[in-house]
Protein backbone atom coordinates (compact mmCIF):
# COMPACT_ATOMS: atom_id res chain seq x y z
CA MET A 1 -0.13 0.05 -0.01
CA ILE A 2 1.31 3.46 -1.03
CA THR A 3 0.50 6.31 1.68
CA LEU A 4 -0.17 9.63 0.40
CA TYR A 5 -0.36 13.04 1.82
CA LEU A 6 -2.31 15.98 -0.12
CA ALA A 7 -1.50 19.65 0.31
CA GLU A 8 -3.76 21.74 -1.80
CA ASP A 9 -5.32 25.09 -0.62
CA GLN A 10 -8.31 24.54 -2.55
CA SER A 11 -10.61 22.54 -0.27
CA MET A 12 -12.78 21.27 -2.98
CA LEU A 13 -10.00 19.98 -5.14
CA ASN A 14 -8.25 18.41 -2.13
CA SER A 15 -11.46 16.54 -1.26
CA ALA A 16 -11.86 15.45 -5.01
CA LEU A 17 -8.33 14.31 -5.26
CA THR A 18 -8.62 12.24 -1.98
CA GLN A 19 -11.78 10.49 -3.11
CA LEU A 20 -10.15 9.84 -6.54
CA LEU A 21 -7.00 8.32 -5.15
CA GLU A 22 -8.72 6.27 -2.60
CA LEU A 23 -10.61 4.48 -5.41
CA GLU A 24 -7.23 2.73 -6.20
CA ASP A 25 -6.66 -0.48 -4.24
CA ASP A 26 -2.85 0.27 -3.67
CA LEU A 27 -3.26 3.88 -2.62
CA HIS A 28 -4.32 5.27 0.64
CA VAL A 29 -4.45 8.99 1.67
CA VAL A 30 -3.31 9.31 5.33
CA GLY A 31 -3.75 13.22 5.66
CA SER A 32 -4.06 16.47 3.95
CA ALA A 33 -3.94 20.08 4.43
CA VAL A 34 -4.92 23.40 2.81
CA ASP A 35 -1.74 25.20 3.79
CA GLY A 36 2.05 24.75 3.81
CA ILE A 37 2.73 25.03 7.52
CA ASN A 38 0.09 22.28 8.62
CA ALA A 39 1.49 20.20 5.72
CA TRP A 40 5.06 20.42 6.90
CA GLN A 41 4.15 19.65 10.51
CA GLU A 42 1.89 16.61 9.55
CA LEU A 43 4.37 15.39 7.15
CA GLN A 44 7.15 15.03 9.81
CA GLU A 45 4.78 12.95 11.89
CA LEU A 46 3.18 10.87 9.36
CA GLN A 47 6.07 10.36 6.89
CA PRO A 48 3.91 9.19 3.99
CA ASP A 49 5.54 7.42 0.90
CA VAL A 50 4.51 10.32 -1.31
CA ALA A 51 3.44 13.91 -0.56
CA ILE A 52 1.45 15.53 -3.46
CA LEU A 53 1.98 19.39 -3.15
CA ASP A 54 0.59 22.41 -4.76
CA ILE A 55 2.83 25.54 -4.97
CA GLU A 56 0.86 28.49 -4.14
CA MET A 57 -0.48 27.93 -0.54
CA PRO A 58 -0.63 30.15 2.53
CA GLY A 59 2.02 30.08 5.15
CA MET A 60 4.49 28.09 3.32
CA THR A 61 4.44 27.23 -0.47
CA GLY A 62 4.62 23.57 -1.85
CA LEU A 63 8.26 24.44 -2.82
CA ASP A 64 9.22 25.69 0.71
CA VAL A 65 7.88 22.29 2.00
CA ALA A 66 9.83 20.26 -0.70
CA ASP A 67 12.98 22.24 0.39
CA ARG A 68 12.45 21.22 4.10
CA LEU A 69 11.58 17.73 3.16
CA ALA A 70 14.89 17.42 1.18
CA SER A 71 17.01 18.98 3.98
CA SER A 72 15.46 16.92 6.63
CA GLN A 73 16.28 13.72 4.56
CA LEU A 74 12.96 12.19 5.25
CA ALA A 75 12.01 9.39 2.75
CA THR A 76 8.83 10.88 1.64
CA LYS A 77 8.83 11.55 -2.13
CA VAL A 78 7.36 14.70 -3.53
CA ILE A 79 5.15 15.31 -6.67
CA VAL A 80 4.42 18.88 -7.35
CA LEU A 81 0.90 19.34 -8.67
CA THR A 82 0.39 22.87 -9.86
CA THR A 83 -1.16 25.04 -12.61
CA PHE A 84 2.33 26.82 -12.95
CA ALA A 85 4.73 25.63 -15.91
CA GLN A 86 7.04 28.57 -15.07
CA ARG A 87 10.77 27.81 -15.60
CA ARG A 88 11.60 29.33 -12.05
CA TYR A 89 9.35 27.01 -10.22
CA PHE A 90 10.48 24.00 -11.98
CA GLU A 91 14.24 24.89 -11.57
CA ARG A 92 13.63 25.17 -7.69
CA ALA A 93 11.53 21.99 -7.70
CA VAL A 94 14.42 20.17 -9.23
CA LYS A 95 17.04 21.58 -6.77
CA ALA A 96 14.53 20.27 -4.04
CA ASN A 97 14.94 16.87 -5.62
CA VAL A 98 11.20 16.40 -6.30
CA ALA A 99 10.20 13.33 -7.91
CA GLY A 100 7.43 14.51 -9.97
CA TYR A 101 6.27 17.79 -11.34
CA LEU A 102 2.78 17.62 -13.05
CA LEU A 103 0.25 20.11 -14.02
CA LYS A 104 -3.37 20.36 -12.68
CA ASP A 105 -5.02 20.09 -16.16
CA SER A 106 -3.11 16.78 -16.90
CA PRO A 107 -5.58 13.56 -16.93
CA SER A 108 -6.08 12.12 -13.48
CA ASP A 109 -4.64 8.83 -14.77
CA ASP A 110 -1.10 10.77 -15.24
CA LEU A 111 -1.06 11.45 -11.52
CA ILE A 112 -1.95 7.87 -10.42
CA ASP A 113 0.73 6.52 -12.81
CA ALA A 114 3.22 9.04 -11.56
CA ILE A 115 2.70 7.93 -8.03
CA ARG A 116 3.45 4.32 -8.77
CA ALA A 117 6.32 5.36 -10.98
CA VAL A 118 8.10 7.59 -8.40
CA MET A 119 7.83 4.64 -5.98
CA THR A 120 9.99 2.65 -8.34
CA GLY A 121 12.69 5.33 -8.36
CA ARG A 122 11.76 7.18 -11.63
CA THR A 123 11.28 10.96 -11.99
CA ILE A 124 8.26 12.25 -13.87
CA TYR A 125 7.99 15.51 -15.37
CA ALA A 126 5.17 16.93 -17.50
CA PRO A 127 5.91 17.01 -21.11
CA GLU A 128 5.04 20.88 -21.33
CA LEU A 129 7.64 21.64 -18.75
CA VAL A 130 10.36 20.17 -21.25
CA THR A 131 9.05 22.33 -23.93
CA ASN A 132 9.07 25.44 -21.98
CA MET A 133 12.58 24.61 -20.74
CA LEU A 134 13.64 24.44 -24.41
CA SER A 135 11.82 27.64 -25.14
CA ALA A 136 13.60 29.37 -22.30
CA ASP A 137 16.87 28.19 -23.32
CA ASN A 138 16.38 29.69 -26.75
CA ASN A 139 15.73 33.20 -25.38
CA PRO A 140 17.23 35.69 -28.02
CA LEU A 141 17.07 38.60 -25.67
CA THR A 142 20.22 39.95 -23.65
CA GLU A 143 20.08 40.40 -19.84
CA ARG A 144 19.66 44.30 -20.50
CA GLU A 145 16.99 43.74 -23.09
CA LEU A 146 15.07 41.62 -20.52
CA ALA A 147 15.48 44.30 -17.90
CA VAL A 148 14.02 46.71 -20.18
CA LEU A 149 10.98 44.50 -20.95
CA VAL A 150 10.29 43.85 -17.20
CA GLU A 151 9.99 47.61 -16.78
CA ALA A 152 8.06 47.96 -19.85
CA GLU A 153 5.62 45.38 -18.45
CA LYS A 154 4.78 47.58 -15.60
CA GLY A 155 3.42 50.22 -18.08
CA LEU A 156 6.10 52.73 -17.53
CA PRO A 157 6.95 55.35 -19.91
CA THR A 158 10.26 55.28 -21.83
CA LYS A 159 11.75 58.17 -19.62
CA THR A 160 10.89 56.38 -16.57
CA ILE A 161 12.33 52.91 -17.74
CA ALA A 162 15.52 54.75 -18.58
CA ALA A 163 15.71 56.37 -15.21
CA ASN A 164 15.13 53.21 -13.38
CA LEU A 165 17.94 51.38 -15.36
CA TYR A 166 20.24 54.23 -15.41
CA LEU A 167 20.16 54.62 -19.19
CA SER A 168 19.40 57.55 -21.37
CA ALA A 169 15.99 57.67 -23.11
CA GLY A 170 17.65 57.18 -26.49
CA THR A 171 19.39 54.04 -25.49
CA THR A 172 16.26 52.67 -23.86
CA ARG A 173 14.43 53.32 -27.13
CA ASN A 174 17.24 51.38 -29.02
CA TYR A 175 16.75 48.47 -26.63
CA LEU A 176 13.06 48.52 -27.34
CA SER A 177 13.62 48.36 -31.12
CA ALA A 178 16.05 45.64 -30.81
CA ILE A 179 13.35 43.69 -28.67
CA PHE A 180 10.87 44.28 -31.27
CA SER A 181 13.15 43.18 -34.09
CA LYS A 182 14.36 40.01 -32.41
CA LEU A 183 10.79 38.91 -31.47
CA GLY A 184 9.24 39.99 -34.87
CA VAL A 185 6.80 42.29 -33.15
CA HIS A 186 5.61 45.97 -33.49
CA ASN A 187 4.79 47.07 -29.96
CA ARG A 188 5.56 46.55 -26.32
CA LEU A 189 2.19 44.62 -25.56
CA GLU A 190 3.07 42.00 -28.34
CA ALA A 191 6.86 41.74 -27.12
CA ILE A 192 5.58 41.01 -23.67
CA ARG A 193 2.93 38.51 -24.77
CA VAL A 194 5.73 36.56 -26.78
CA ALA A 195 8.10 36.86 -23.92
CA LYS A 196 5.53 35.40 -21.43
CA ALA A 197 4.52 32.77 -23.83
CA ASN A 198 7.99 31.52 -23.91
CA GLN A 199 8.76 31.76 -20.37
CA TRP A 200 11.30 34.43 -20.68
CA LEU A 201 9.61 36.84 -18.42
């Protein structure tokens, strides 16, 4: 029997997942929480085989809990189940040695299969994450161009962006032109949309 713990801040989803997993003969949910602090406390006591953690939770995020589990050297394996396919979250999860990283819009069978797979020592990542990582690695923008785009995303005028980055207004306009050219777009909104879609922002 594989023992499971669920940490998900949406109570309805938490309950639905519990019921779904309990239908499997070899899976048993031993506890759940809707915030990271309670999850961490109970995981130390229960020490289940697998902890299924959401990322965005009150108190502590699922990644905070994963970090603590890794540093405490508990045997519990972690599967992150989230709506976020962002590179920075994924990279942090990898550093915390999570055994799985799945997206909430994946079929429920994928989660069940992943639970069994991580118990055999495998690591399971959602295919979308690999695509996003490749897109991020192909980022054509320089660090300075990204910095300009981050400021532009705030809706700031060129002069303010220039002041914030200690650039001249002319240099800032040149950076924006270079960004538009590299991304094949015509304005800031399009540039921001393309950068976000490729996980560059």
